Amino acid sequence: MFETVDFVLLGFAALLAGFIDAVAGGGGLIQVPALFTALPLQTPATLFGTNKLSSIFGTGSATWRYARQIEICWRIAIPAALSAAVFSFAGAAAVTWLPRETVRPLVFGLLLLVIIYTLARPSLGQSKRTAMSPQRERWWALVLGAALGFYDGFFGPGTGSFLIFLLVRFFALDFLRASAVAKIVNLATNAAALAYFIPHGQVLWMFGLVMAVANITGAQIGSHLAIRHGSGFVRWIFLTSAILLLVKFGWDIFAPSFT
């Protein structure tokens, strides 16, 4: 039987995850481990499905606030979201023939490069740069959505951080608008994942909906602060989230060798 403390723990984790995810991605770093800790007898697929149920509400809430209050580059967001939704299915299918653990060292290295590059360029995401032509943007948005959608379906952690970095670096968006576009893409990948998890009964509805309320609350706080304080605030949360994710991957990779 589920305990009240489980709901409290998961509600708090979802609140914090919603806040971080709405600003700079990386909410799964908090919410997924909390689910595994609170509900150790559940299957991983069920916990991932419950995480997606909670996340889609928070992401949708943040997307709604961003869309109402800032200008969103829809010519990037829409093709990237559509492509990501399709390729997230391919990523999920790839798990059957390629172990997820093989990806950890690669993701660790990429995260390290992202952090170093961002720290070395304080003006990244702040100053105006020449963007691509609209036609090239749409094509590259499809490529970006496909790559990140596949990764999100296959493995997941760090998708939001990678997406924001690539939108800032290659599409000349500032951190605030990159975060807004990332929410739309994340919304599509969450919906695609739930299209698989729900028919297979791999969602704990009671926990998922309680967490969804907390996730929405965190997302509203996070998106409000991001819009109010701008790209500098988003950049700071982005770096914090990426560093925490790097530490977690480092621990998962190197800690077993010392035990």
Foldseek 3Di string as FASTA:
>chain_A
DADPVLLVQLLVLLLQLLQLLLQFRQSCVRNLVSLCVRCVPADSLLSVLLVLLLVLLSLVLSLVVCVVQDDAPVLLLVLLQVLLLVLLVVLLVCCVPDPPVVCLVVVLVVLVVLLVVCVVDVCQLPDADDFDPSVVSNVVSSVNSNVLSSCCSNPNGCSRLVQLSCCRPHGVHHSLNSSSSSSSNSSSSSVSSNVPCVVVVSYDVVSSVSSNVSSNNSNVVNSVVCSVVDRVVSSVSSSVSSVVSSVVSCCVVPVVVVD
